[in-house]
């Protein structure tokens, strides 16, 4: 039997969700069975799967030792020398300017040199993240950006900040703005485009339809033309919905693919322009809270903007 004391970052979540994070390799069905069979107790008593943990609760686990084995993967961030461009930081969140070419989370191609590992390493070296003092929580990203796109990524330093930011993104109270260069001159200089996005996992690509289709999700993209030259346009784009490859596929579907985007654009043209990555950057965040934000209320009305985006600066010169 092992006992766990519920820490601040563990509180206010269901016992089954906590155990999913604590036992990364245990199937959910087995977790439910352990709770039903009284192999999990809180403060000495049986609980239901929807019991919400309270700070300083004592969880007693009557579970086989094999499930308590730690994996080296959990501490892989310790071998990373942190290299991040910090835009803003406080006790709850950190905003990072992710550069094109870096993946945000580990994938089949990269396990070590990821944005989240750099952030964990940075906070670990500052002694703000001490994994040995946590049961399940680790600093986490609240939004993600494709490998070949750059821009502002929000990371939460504690569970409450993570919950609030995720909630505010979902309710569209954190507005995200992008700069991009597209091929061609848009007929309308400002607009809002609504269509439907269908994802093809086998091709790692999405397709756009102007009418509802099975598996399709509504997408809304607002844009404003900032400058035009050489049959190209610099746009500011606001994502009203945030789907996979939304900006890239949506603009390509109306005949204006991003410069540098081989997946949805013209590869030969992109090579002639000398772009290594697509000309797309998440350059501005607006914390447009319209409801209570708890410990993050101080961010209400704040705007964080990158003053210099390389391809945009060159285009405007």
C-alpha atoms as a PDB file:
ATOM      1  CA  UNK A   1       0.000   0.000   0.000  1.00  0.00           C
ATOM      2  CA  UNK A   2       1.166   3.511  -0.833  1.00  0.00           C
ATOM      3  CA  UNK A   3      -0.198   6.829   0.337  1.00  0.00           C
ATOM      4  CA  UNK A   4      -0.250  10.103  -1.585  1.00  0.00           C
ATOM      5  CA  UNK A   5      -0.993  13.531  -0.157  1.00  0.00           C
ATOM      6  CA  UNK A   6      -2.976  15.725  -2.536  1.00  0.00           C
ATOM      7  CA  UNK A   7      -0.963  18.828  -3.483  1.00  0.00           C
ATOM      8  CA  UNK A   8      -2.405  22.200  -4.633  1.00  0.00           C
ATOM      9  CA  UNK A   9      -1.896  21.264  -8.305  1.00  0.00           C
ATOM     10  CA  UNK A  10      -3.798  17.983  -7.782  1.00  0.00           C
ATOM     11  CA  UNK A  11      -6.875  19.517  -6.144  1.00  0.00           C
ATOM     12  CA  UNK A  12     -10.242  20.186  -7.804  1.00  0.00           C
ATOM     13  CA  UNK A  13     -10.008  17.228 -10.187  1.00  0.00           C
ATOM     14  CA  UNK A  14     -11.816  13.908 -10.151  1.00  0.00           C
ATOM     15  CA  UNK A  15     -10.063  10.956  -8.576  1.00  0.00           C
ATOM     16  CA  UNK A  16     -10.225   8.948 -11.838  1.00  0.00           C
ATOM     17  CA  UNK A  17      -8.607  11.812 -13.807  1.00  0.00           C
ATOM     18  CA  UNK A  18      -5.879  12.120 -11.181  1.00  0.00           C
ATOM     19  CA  UNK A  19      -5.133   8.397 -11.340  1.00  0.00           C
ATOM     20  CA  UNK A  20      -4.963   8.485 -15.139  1.00  0.00           C
ATOM     21  CA  UNK A  21      -2.151  11.032 -14.879  1.00  0.00           C
ATOM     22  CA  UNK A  22      -0.458   9.314 -11.939  1.00  0.00           C
ATOM     23  CA  UNK A  23      -0.484   5.848 -13.535  1.00  0.00           C
ATOM     24  CA  UNK A  24       0.386   6.667 -17.120  1.00  0.00           C
ATOM     25  CA  UNK A  25       0.398   3.031 -18.234  1.00  0.00           C
ATOM     26  CA  UNK A  26      -2.702   1.787 -16.391  1.00  0.00           C
ATOM     27  CA  UNK A  27      -5.794   1.296 -18.605  1.00  0.00           C
ATOM     28  CA  UNK A  28      -8.790   3.426 -17.665  1.00  0.00           C
ATOM     29  CA  UNK A  29     -10.945   0.332 -17.168  1.00  0.00           C
ATOM     30  CA  UNK A  30      -8.496  -0.967 -14.574  1.00  0.00           C
ATOM     31  CA  UNK A  31      -8.552   2.388 -12.774  1.00  0.00           C
ATOM     32  CA  UNK A  32     -12.347   2.200 -12.554  1.00  0.00           C
ATOM     33  CA  UNK A  33     -12.112  -1.380 -11.274  1.00  0.00           C
ATOM     34  CA  UNK A  34      -9.599  -0.412  -8.573  1.00  0.00           C
ATOM     35  CA  UNK A  35     -11.926   2.351  -7.360  1.00  0.00           C
ATOM     36  CA  UNK A  36     -14.961   0.020  -7.352  1.00  0.00           C
ATOM     37  CA  UNK A  37     -13.050  -2.742  -5.539  1.00  0.00           C
ATOM     38  CA  UNK A  38     -11.919  -0.332  -2.768  1.00  0.00           C
ATOM     39  CA  UNK A  39      -8.276  -0.585  -3.827  1.00  0.00           C
ATOM     40  CA  UNK A  40      -8.324   3.216  -3.874  1.00  0.00           C
ATOM     41  CA  UNK A  41      -9.445   5.056  -0.753  1.00  0.00           C
ATOM     42  CA  UNK A  42      -9.447   8.738   0.149  1.00  0.00           C
ATOM     43  CA  UNK A  43      -9.024   9.651   3.818  1.00  0.00           C
ATOM     44  CA  UNK A  44      -9.591   5.993   4.667  1.00  0.00           C
ATOM     45  CA  UNK A  45     -12.954   5.755   2.903  1.00  0.00           C
ATOM     46  CA  UNK A  46     -14.265   4.361  -0.368  1.00  0.00           C
ATOM     47  CA  UNK A  47     -15.030   7.029  -2.993  1.00  0.00           C
ATOM     48  CA  UNK A  48     -16.894   7.164  -6.299  1.00  0.00           C
ATOM     49  CA  UNK A  49     -15.057   7.794  -9.572  1.00  0.00           C
ATOM     50  CA  UNK A  50     -16.406  11.370  -9.694  1.00  0.00           C
ATOM     51  CA  UNK A  51     -15.060  12.332  -6.252  1.00  0.00           C
ATOM     52  CA  UNK A  52     -13.286  15.700  -6.479  1.00  0.00           C
ATOM     53  CA  UNK A  53      -9.985  15.857  -4.674  1.00  0.00           C
ATOM     54  CA  UNK A  54      -9.305  18.474  -1.999  1.00  0.00           C
ATOM     55  CA  UNK A  55      -5.853  19.712  -1.019  1.00  0.00           C
ATOM     56  CA  UNK A  56      -4.323  17.557   1.754  1.00  0.00           C
ATOM     57  CA  UNK A  57      -6.605  14.586   1.049  1.00  0.00           C
ATOM     58  CA  UNK A  58      -4.771  11.303   1.676  1.00  0.00           C
ATOM     59  CA  UNK A  59      -5.099   8.771  -1.144  1.00  0.00           C
ATOM     60  CA  UNK A  60      -4.322   5.174  -0.175  1.00  0.00           C
ATOM     61  CA  UNK A  61      -3.461   2.898  -3.111  1.00  0.00           C
ATOM     62  CA  UNK A  62      -3.663  -0.892  -2.739  1.00  0.00           C
ATOM     63  CA  UNK A  63      -2.203  -1.488  -6.192  1.00  0.00           C
ATOM     64  CA  UNK A  64       0.542  -3.752  -7.590  1.00  0.00           C
ATOM     65  CA  UNK A  65       4.050  -2.295  -7.491  1.00  0.00           C
ATOM     66  CA  UNK A  66       4.536  -2.653 -11.251  1.00  0.00           C
ATOM     67  CA  UNK A  67       2.314   0.357 -11.853  1.00  0.00           C
ATOM     68  CA  UNK A  68       4.471   2.613  -9.686  1.00  0.00           C
ATOM     69  CA  UNK A  69       7.564   2.304 -11.887  1.00  0.00           C
ATOM     70  CA  UNK A  70       8.918   5.660 -13.017  1.00  0.00           C
ATOM     71  CA  UNK A  71      10.035   6.081 -16.618  1.00  0.00           C
ATOM     72  CA  UNK A  72      13.180   7.919 -17.736  1.00  0.00           C
ATOM     73  CA  UNK A  73      11.034   9.747 -20.306  1.00  0.00           C
ATOM     74  CA  UNK A  74       9.412  11.801 -17.544  1.00  0.00           C
ATOM     75  CA  UNK A  75      12.751  13.465 -16.699  1.00  0.00           C
ATOM     76  CA  UNK A  76      14.145  13.808 -20.207  1.00  0.00           C
ATOM     77  CA  UNK A  77      13.836  17.608 -19.973  1.00  0.00           C
ATOM     78  CA  UNK A  78      16.729  17.609 -17.479  1.00  0.00           C
ATOM     79  CA  UNK A  79      19.240  16.972 -20.267  1.00  0.00           C
ATOM     80  CA  UNK A  80      18.014  19.970 -22.287  1.00  0.00           C
ATOM     81  CA  UNK A  81      19.866  23.271 -22.082  1.00  0.00           C
ATOM     82  CA  UNK A  82      16.976  25.773 -22.074  1.00  0.00           C
ATOM     83  CA  UNK A  83      16.841  28.109 -25.021  1.00  0.00           C
ATOM     84  CA  UNK A  84      13.570  30.033 -25.206  1.00  0.00           C
ATOM     85  CA  UNK A  85      12.564  33.560 -26.195  1.00  0.00           C
ATOM     86  CA  UNK A  86      10.377  34.822 -23.345  1.00  0.00           C
ATOM     87  CA  UNK A  87       7.854  37.557 -24.164  1.00  0.00           C
ATOM     88  CA  UNK A  88       6.187  37.709 -20.749  1.00  0.00           C
ATOM     89  CA  UNK A  89       6.338  35.778 -17.489  1.00  0.00           C
ATOM     90  CA  UNK A  90       4.677  35.893 -14.078  1.00  0.00           C
ATOM     91  CA  UNK A  91       3.955  33.396 -11.291  1.00  0.00           C
ATOM     92  CA  UNK A  92       1.180  31.696 -13.280  1.00  0.00           C
ATOM     93  CA  UNK A  93       1.984  31.777 -17.004  1.00  0.00           C
ATOM     94  CA  UNK A  94       4.832  32.246 -19.448  1.00  0.00           C
ATOM     95  CA  UNK A  95       4.547  33.433 -23.068  1.00  0.00           C
ATOM     96  CA  UNK A  96       7.163  32.118 -25.489  1.00  0.00           C
ATOM     97  CA  UNK A  97       8.022  33.153 -29.049  1.00  0.00           C
ATOM     98  CA  UNK A  98       8.371  29.725 -30.677  1.00  0.00           C
ATOM     99  CA  UNK A  99      10.604  29.766 -33.725  1.00  0.00           C
ATOM    100  CA  UNK A 100       9.707  27.916 -36.952  1.00  0.00           C
ATOM    101  CA  UNK A 101      11.284  24.480 -37.113  1.00  0.00           C
ATOM    102  CA  UNK A 102      10.777  23.562 -33.438  1.00  0.00           C
ATOM    103  CA  UNK A 103       8.126  21.034 -32.479  1.00  0.00           C
ATOM    104  CA  UNK A 104       6.075  21.909 -29.380  1.00  0.00           C
ATOM    105  CA  UNK A 105       5.583  18.355 -28.052  1.00  0.00           C
ATOM    106  CA  UNK A 106       7.585  15.142 -28.556  1.00  0.00           C
ATOM    107  CA  UNK A 107       6.650  13.226 -31.696  1.00  0.00           C
ATOM    108  CA  UNK A 108       8.001  10.283 -33.693  1.00  0.00           C
ATOM    109  CA  UNK A 109      10.824  12.445 -35.090  1.00  0.00           C
ATOM    110  CA  UNK A 110      11.879  14.409 -31.996  1.00  0.00           C
ATOM    111  CA  UNK A 111      11.747  13.429 -28.321  1.00  0.00           C
ATOM    112  CA  UNK A 112      14.222  15.820 -26.679  1.00  0.00           C
ATOM    113  CA  UNK A 113      14.519  19.173 -28.454  1.00  0.00           C
ATOM    114  CA  UNK A 114      10.898  20.267 -27.986  1.00  0.00           C
ATOM    115  CA  UNK A 115       9.403  23.512 -26.754  1.00  0.00           C
ATOM    116  CA  UNK A 116       7.789  21.922 -23.706  1.00  0.00           C
ATOM    117  CA  UNK A 117      11.104  20.318 -22.681  1.00  0.00           C
ATOM    118  CA  UNK A 118      12.876  23.681 -22.977  1.00  0.00           C
ATOM    119  CA  UNK A 119      10.191  25.308 -20.817  1.00  0.00           C
ATOM    120  CA  UNK A 120      10.332  22.537 -18.189  1.00  0.00           C
ATOM    121  CA  UNK A 121      14.126  22.756 -18.112  1.00  0.00           C
ATOM    122  CA  UNK A 122      14.011  26.539 -17.745  1.00  0.00           C
ATOM    123  CA  UNK A 123      11.552  26.368 -14.842  1.00  0.00           C
ATOM    124  CA  UNK A 124      13.419  23.448 -13.263  1.00  0.00           C
ATOM    125  CA  UNK A 125      16.669  25.429 -13.279  1.00  0.00           C
ATOM    126  CA  UNK A 126      14.806  28.338 -11.641  1.00  0.00           C
ATOM    127  CA  UNK A 127      13.452  25.872  -9.056  1.00  0.00           C
ATOM    128  CA  UNK A 128       9.913  26.844 -10.003  1.00  0.00           C
ATOM    129  CA  UNK A 129       9.213  23.323 -11.244  1.00  0.00           C
ATOM    130  CA  UNK A 130      10.326  20.532  -8.933  1.00  0.00           C
ATOM    131  CA  UNK A 131       8.873  17.252 -10.236  1.00  0.00           C
ATOM    132  CA  UNK A 132       9.740  15.426  -7.025  1.00  0.00           C
ATOM    133  CA  UNK A 133       7.301  17.749  -5.218  1.00  0.00           C
ATOM    134  CA  UNK A 134       4.452  17.048  -7.643  1.00  0.00           C
ATOM    135  CA  UNK A 135       2.232  14.002  -7.965  1.00  0.00           C
ATOM    136  CA  UNK A 136       0.868  14.540 -11.480  1.00  0.00           C
ATOM    137  CA  UNK A 137       1.286  18.152 -12.595  1.00  0.00           C
ATOM    138  CA  UNK A 138       3.969  19.447 -14.940  1.00  0.00           C
ATOM    139  CA  UNK A 139       4.154  22.823 -16.734  1.00  0.00           C
ATOM    140  CA  UNK A 140       1.917  22.520 -19.790  1.00  0.00           C
ATOM    141  CA  UNK A 141       1.223  24.282 -23.070  1.00  0.00           C
ATOM    142  CA  UNK A 142      -2.211  25.844 -23.465  1.00  0.00           C
ATOM    143  CA  UNK A 143      -2.008  26.217 -27.235  1.00  0.00           C
ATOM    144  CA  UNK A 144       0.124  24.657 -29.909  1.00  0.00           C
ATOM    145  CA  UNK A 145       1.683  25.867 -33.139  1.00  0.00           C
ATOM    146  CA  UNK A 146       2.761  23.696 -36.068  1.00  0.00           C
ATOM    147  CA  UNK A 147       6.454  22.849 -36.398  1.00  0.00           C
ATOM    148  CA  UNK A 148       6.925  25.098 -39.445  1.00  0.00           C
ATOM    149  CA  UNK A 149       4.960  28.035 -38.010  1.00  0.00           C
ATOM    150  CA  UNK A 150       6.265  30.503 -35.427  1.00  0.00           C
ATOM    151  CA  UNK A 151       4.630  32.632 -32.795  1.00  0.00           C
ATOM    152  CA  UNK A 152       3.332  33.077 -29.271  1.00  0.00           C
ATOM    153  CA  UNK A 153       2.695  29.979 -27.182  1.00  0.00           C
ATOM    154  CA  UNK A 154       1.134  30.123 -23.710  1.00  0.00           C
ATOM    155  CA  UNK A 155       2.459  27.788 -20.992  1.00  0.00           C
ATOM    156  CA  UNK A 156       0.863  27.375 -17.573  1.00  0.00           C
ATOM    157  CA  UNK A 157       3.002  27.030 -14.459  1.00  0.00           C
ATOM    158  CA  UNK A 158       0.242  25.586 -12.261  1.00  0.00           C
ATOM    159  CA  UNK A 159      -2.939  23.558 -12.643  1.00  0.00           C
ATOM    160  CA  UNK A 160      -5.321  26.435 -11.905  1.00  0.00           C
ATOM    161  CA  UNK A 161      -3.746  28.672 -14.554  1.00  0.00           C
ATOM    162  CA  UNK A 162      -3.884  25.797 -17.045  1.00  0.00           C
ATOM    163  CA  UNK A 163      -7.580  25.231 -16.373  1.00  0.00           C
ATOM    164  CA  UNK A 164      -8.443  28.932 -16.709  1.00  0.00           C
ATOM    165  CA  UNK A 165      -6.446  29.563 -19.892  1.00  0.00           C
ATOM    166  CA  UNK A 166      -7.886  26.468 -21.566  1.00  0.00           C
ATOM    167  CA  UNK A 167     -11.367  27.599 -20.578  1.00  0.00           C
ATOM    168  CA  UNK A 168     -10.778  31.131 -21.901  1.00  0.00           C
ATOM    169  CA  UNK A 169      -9.411  29.830 -25.209  1.00  0.00           C
ATOM    170  CA  UNK A 170     -12.466  27.594 -25.584  1.00  0.00           C
ATOM    171  CA  UNK A 171     -14.850  30.483 -24.838  1.00  0.00           C
ATOM    172  CA  UNK A 172     -12.918  32.742 -27.262  1.00  0.00           C
ATOM    173  CA  UNK A 173     -11.897  35.163 -24.507  1.00  0.00           C
ATOM    174  CA  UNK A 174      -8.272  34.929 -25.613  1.00  0.00           C
ATOM    175  CA  UNK A 175      -8.035  36.238 -29.164  1.00  0.00           C
ATOM    176  CA  UNK A 176      -5.191  35.121 -31.446  1.00  0.00           C
ATOM    177  CA  UNK A 177      -3.887  37.176 -34.369  1.00  0.00           C
ATOM    178  CA  UNK A 178      -1.495  36.052 -37.113  1.00  0.00           C
ATOM    179  CA  UNK A 179       0.566  37.717 -39.813  1.00  0.00           C
ATOM    180  CA  UNK A 180       0.930  35.933 -43.140  1.00  0.00           C
ATOM    181  CA  UNK A 181       1.872  36.559 -46.756  1.00  0.00           C
ATOM    182  CA  UNK A 182      -0.345  35.010 -49.410  1.00  0.00           C
ATOM    183  CA  UNK A 183      -0.076  34.759 -53.147  1.00  0.00           C
ATOM    184  CA  UNK A 184      -2.271  37.135 -55.149  1.00  0.00           C
ATOM    185  CA  UNK A 185      -4.330  40.252 -54.481  1.00  0.00           C
ATOM    186  CA  UNK A 186      -7.554  39.782 -52.524  1.00  0.00           C
ATOM    187  CA  UNK A 187     -10.637  41.377 -54.027  1.00  0.00           C
ATOM    188  CA  UNK A 188     -12.086  42.235 -50.602  1.00  0.00           C
ATOM    189  CA  UNK A 189      -9.572  43.965 -48.317  1.00  0.00           C
ATOM    190  CA  UNK A 190     -11.301  42.836 -45.118  1.00  0.00           C
ATOM    191  CA  UNK A 191     -13.546  39.873 -44.615  1.00  0.00           C
ATOM    192  CA  UNK A 192     -14.742  36.921 -42.579  1.00  0.00           C
ATOM    193  CA  UNK A 193     -14.769  33.530 -44.273  1.00  0.00           C
ATOM    194  CA  UNK A 194     -16.957  30.689 -42.940  1.00  0.00           C
ATOM    195  CA  UNK A 195     -16.626  27.153 -44.294  1.00  0.00           C
ATOM    196  CA  UNK A 196     -16.188  23.550 -43.113  1.00  0.00           C
ATOM    197  CA  UNK A 197     -12.942  21.676 -42.518  1.00  0.00           C
ATOM    198  CA  UNK A 198     -12.538  17.922 -43.017  1.00  0.00           C
ATOM    199  CA  UNK A 199      -9.397  16.234 -41.692  1.00  0.00           C
ATOM    200  CA  UNK A 200      -7.677  13.377 -43.522  1.00  0.00           C
ATOM    201  CA  UNK A 201      -5.434  11.735 -40.922  1.00  0.00           C
ATOM    202  CA  UNK A 202      -3.803   9.394 -43.435  1.00  0.00           C
ATOM    203  CA  UNK A 203      -2.499  12.360 -45.458  1.00  0.00           C
ATOM    204  CA  UNK A 204      -2.009  14.679 -42.475  1.00  0.00           C
ATOM    205  CA  UNK A 205      -3.964  17.208 -44.482  1.00  0.00           C
ATOM    206  CA  UNK A 206      -7.301  18.994 -44.288  1.00  0.00           C
ATOM    207  CA  UNK A 207      -9.852  19.863 -46.950  1.00  0.00           C
ATOM    208  CA  UNK A 208     -12.311  22.749 -47.077  1.00  0.00           C
ATOM    209  CA  UNK A 209     -15.966  22.592 -48.086  1.00  0.00           C
ATOM    210  CA  UNK A 210     -18.403  25.497 -48.380  1.00  0.00           C
ATOM    211  CA  UNK A 211     -21.241  23.346 -47.028  1.00  0.00           C
ATOM    212  CA  UNK A 212     -21.637  20.967 -44.068  1.00  0.00           C
ATOM    213  CA  UNK A 213     -20.282  17.461 -44.625  1.00  0.00           C
ATOM    214  CA  UNK A 214     -19.947  14.317 -42.507  1.00  0.00           C
ATOM    215  CA  UNK A 215     -16.980  14.790 -40.181  1.00  0.00           C
ATOM    216  CA  UNK A 216     -16.646  18.446 -41.141  1.00  0.00           C
ATOM    217  CA  UNK A 217     -16.194  21.175 -38.526  1.00  0.00           C
ATOM    218  CA  UNK A 218     -17.167  24.804 -38.982  1.00  0.00           C
ATOM    219  CA  UNK A 219     -14.272  27.225 -39.369  1.00  0.00           C
ATOM    220  CA  UNK A 220     -14.354  31.022 -39.247  1.00  0.00           C
ATOM    221  CA  UNK A 221     -11.344  33.074 -40.340  1.00  0.00           C
ATOM    222  CA  UNK A 222     -11.223  36.887 -40.283  1.00  0.00           C
ATOM    223  CA  UNK A 223      -8.616  38.780 -42.286  1.00  0.00           C
ATOM    224  CA  UNK A 224      -7.435  42.294 -43.118  1.00  0.00           C
ATOM    225  CA  UNK A 225      -5.042  43.240 -45.916  1.00  0.00           C
ATOM    226  CA  UNK A 226      -2.129  45.315 -44.575  1.00  0.00           C
ATOM    227  CA  UNK A 227      -0.064  45.720 -47.761  1.00  0.00           C
ATOM    228  CA  UNK A 228       0.135  44.474 -51.334  1.00  0.00           C
ATOM    229  CA  UNK A 229       3.083  44.209 -53.695  1.00  0.00           C
ATOM    230  CA  UNK A 230       4.488  41.964 -56.453  1.00  0.00           C
ATOM    231  CA  UNK A 231       1.179  40.049 -56.653  1.00  0.00           C
ATOM    232  CA  UNK A 232       1.381  39.141 -52.960  1.00  0.00           C
ATOM    233  CA  UNK A 233      -0.544  40.368 -49.912  1.00  0.00           C
ATOM    234  CA  UNK A 234       0.423  40.763 -46.253  1.00  0.00           C
ATOM    235  CA  UNK A 235      -2.567  39.899 -44.056  1.00  0.00           C
ATOM    236  CA  UNK A 236      -3.497  40.101 -40.417  1.00  0.00           C
ATOM    237  CA  UNK A 237      -5.659  37.080 -39.639  1.00  0.00           C
ATOM    238  CA  UNK A 238      -7.765  36.447 -36.543  1.00  0.00           C
ATOM    239  CA  UNK A 239      -8.778  32.889 -35.775  1.00  0.00           C
ATOM    240  CA  UNK A 240     -12.370  32.736 -34.554  1.00  0.00           C
ATOM    241  CA  UNK A 241     -12.143  28.950 -34.552  1.00  0.00           C
ATOM    242  CA  UNK A 242      -8.841  27.165 -34.154  1.00  0.00           C
ATOM    243  CA  UNK A 243      -8.653  24.019 -36.272  1.00  0.00           C
ATOM    244  CA  UNK A 244      -5.681  22.077 -37.635  1.00  0.00           C
ATOM    245  CA  UNK A 245      -4.041  23.955 -40.557  1.00  0.00           C
ATOM    246  CA  UNK A 246      -7.037  26.296 -40.602  1.00  0.00           C
ATOM    247  CA  UNK A 247      -5.346  29.448 -41.903  1.00  0.00           C
ATOM    248  CA  UNK A 248      -3.219  27.602 -44.434  1.00  0.00           C
ATOM    249  CA  UNK A 249      -6.023  25.503 -45.909  1.00  0.00           C
ATOM    250  CA  UNK A 250      -8.722  28.159 -45.669  1.00  0.00           C
ATOM    251  CA  UNK A 251      -6.782  30.839 -47.540  1.00  0.00           C
ATOM    252  CA  UNK A 252      -5.595  28.311 -50.131  1.00  0.00           C
ATOM    253  CA  UNK A 253      -9.227  27.259 -50.701  1.00  0.00           C
ATOM    254  CA  UNK A 254     -10.120  30.806 -51.813  1.00  0.00           C
ATOM    255  CA  UNK A 255      -7.154  30.946 -54.171  1.00  0.00           C
ATOM    256  CA  UNK A 256      -4.582  32.625 -51.922  1.00  0.00           C
ATOM    257  CA  UNK A 257      -2.144  30.024 -50.520  1.00  0.00           C
ATOM    258  CA  UNK A 258       0.548  31.065 -48.056  1.00  0.00           C
ATOM    259  CA  UNK A 259       3.961  31.815 -49.460  1.00  0.00           C
ATOM    260  CA  UNK A 260       6.319  29.027 -48.403  1.00  0.00           C
ATOM    261  CA  UNK A 261       3.556  26.471 -47.769  1.00  0.00           C
ATOM    262  CA  UNK A 262       4.276  23.376 -49.875  1.00  0.00           C
ATOM    263  CA  UNK A 263       1.363  21.337 -48.511  1.00  0.00           C
ATOM    264  CA  UNK A 264      -1.403  23.714 -49.626  1.00  0.00           C
ATOM    265  CA  UNK A 265       0.485  25.959 -52.074  1.00  0.00           C
ATOM    266  CA  UNK A 266       2.841  25.890 -55.053  1.00  0.00           C
ATOM    267  CA  UNK A 267       6.147  24.215 -54.187  1.00  0.00           C
ATOM    268  CA  UNK A 268       8.025  25.508 -57.237  1.00  0.00           C
ATOM    269  CA  UNK A 269       6.874  29.083 -56.629  1.00  0.00           C
ATOM    270  CA  UNK A 270       7.847  28.823 -52.952  1.00  0.00           C
ATOM    271  CA  UNK A 271      11.351  27.685 -53.871  1.00  0.00           C
ATOM    272  CA  UNK A 272      11.719  30.591 -56.275  1.00  0.00           C
ATOM    273  CA  UNK A 273      10.795  32.966 -53.419  1.00  0.00           C
ATOM    274  CA  UNK A 274      13.419  31.415 -51.121  1.00  0.00           C
ATOM    275  CA  UNK A 275      11.069  30.643 -48.194  1.00  0.00           C
ATOM    276  CA  UNK A 276      12.198  27.748 -45.984  1.00  0.00           C
ATOM    277  CA  UNK A 277       8.997  27.872 -43.895  1.00  0.00           C
ATOM    278  CA  UNK A 278       5.501  29.164 -44.595  1.00  0.00           C
ATOM    279  CA  UNK A 279       5.072  32.903 -44.054  1.00  0.00           C
ATOM    280  CA  UNK A 280       2.776  32.560 -41.044  1.00  0.00           C
ATOM    281  CA  UNK A 281       3.350  33.859 -37.516  1.00  0.00           C
ATOM    282  CA  UNK A 282       1.143  34.067 -34.427  1.00  0.00           C
ATOM    283  CA  UNK A 283       2.188  37.570 -33.453  1.00  0.00           C
ATOM    284  CA  UNK A 284      -0.463  38.934 -31.070  1.00  0.00           C
ATOM    285  CA  UNK A 285      -2.600  37.762 -28.128  1.00  0.00           C
ATOM    286  CA  UNK A 286      -5.455  39.759 -26.614  1.00  0.00           C
ATOM    287  CA  UNK A 287      -6.750  38.666 -23.198  1.00  0.00           C
ATOM    288  CA  UNK A 288     -10.324  39.780 -23.847  1.00  0.00           C
ATOM    289  CA  UNK A 289     -11.925  38.393 -20.669  1.00  0.00           C
ATOM    290  CA  UNK A 290     -15.688  38.901 -20.469  1.00  0.00           C
ATOM    291  CA  UNK A 291     -16.158  36.677 -17.410  1.00  0.00           C
ATOM    292  CA  UNK A 292     -14.291  35.983 -14.193  1.00  0.00           C
ATOM    293  CA  UNK A 293     -10.742  34.668 -14.725  1.00  0.00           C
ATOM    294  CA  UNK A 294      -9.919  33.859 -11.104  1.00  0.00           C
ATOM    295  CA  UNK A 295      -6.189  34.090 -10.387  1.00  0.00           C
ATOM    296  CA  UNK A 296      -5.626  35.470 -13.912  1.00  0.00           C
ATOM    297  CA  UNK A 297      -8.004  38.444 -13.671  1.00  0.00           C
ATOM    298  CA  UNK A 298      -4.989  40.781 -13.747  1.00  0.00           C
ATOM    299  CA  UNK A 299      -4.468  39.848 -17.424  1.00  0.00           C
ATOM    300  CA  UNK A 300      -7.843  41.240 -18.490  1.00  0.00           C
ATOM    301  CA  UNK A 301      -7.426  43.707 -21.361  1.00  0.00           C
ATOM    302  CA  UNK A 302      -3.718  43.024 -21.811  1.00  0.00           C
ATOM    303  CA  UNK A 303      -2.286  42.682 -25.319  1.00  0.00           C
ATOM    304  CA  UNK A 304       1.028  40.972 -26.048  1.00  0.00           C
ATOM    305  CA  UNK A 305       2.468  41.651 -29.494  1.00  0.00           C
ATOM    306  CA  UNK A 306       5.720  40.721 -31.192  1.00  0.00           C
ATOM    307  CA  UNK A 307       7.235  43.944 -32.465  1.00  0.00           C
ATOM    308  CA  UNK A 308       9.209  42.286 -35.227  1.00  0.00           C
ATOM    309  CA  UNK A 309       8.290  39.385 -37.497  1.00  0.00           C
ATOM    310  CA  UNK A 310      11.060  38.867 -40.054  1.00  0.00           C
ATOM    311  CA  UNK A 311       9.065  38.228 -43.211  1.00  0.00           C
ATOM    312  CA  UNK A 312       6.543  40.980 -42.400  1.00  0.00           C
ATOM    313  CA  UNK A 313       9.260  43.559 -41.731  1.00  0.00           C
ATOM    314  CA  UNK A 314      10.894  42.740 -45.062  1.00  0.00           C
ATOM    315  CA  UNK A 315       7.554  42.924 -46.892  1.00  0.00           C
ATOM    316  CA  UNK A 316       6.701  46.310 -45.376  1.00  0.00           C
ATOM    317  CA  UNK A 317      10.104  47.845 -46.186  1.00  0.00           C
END
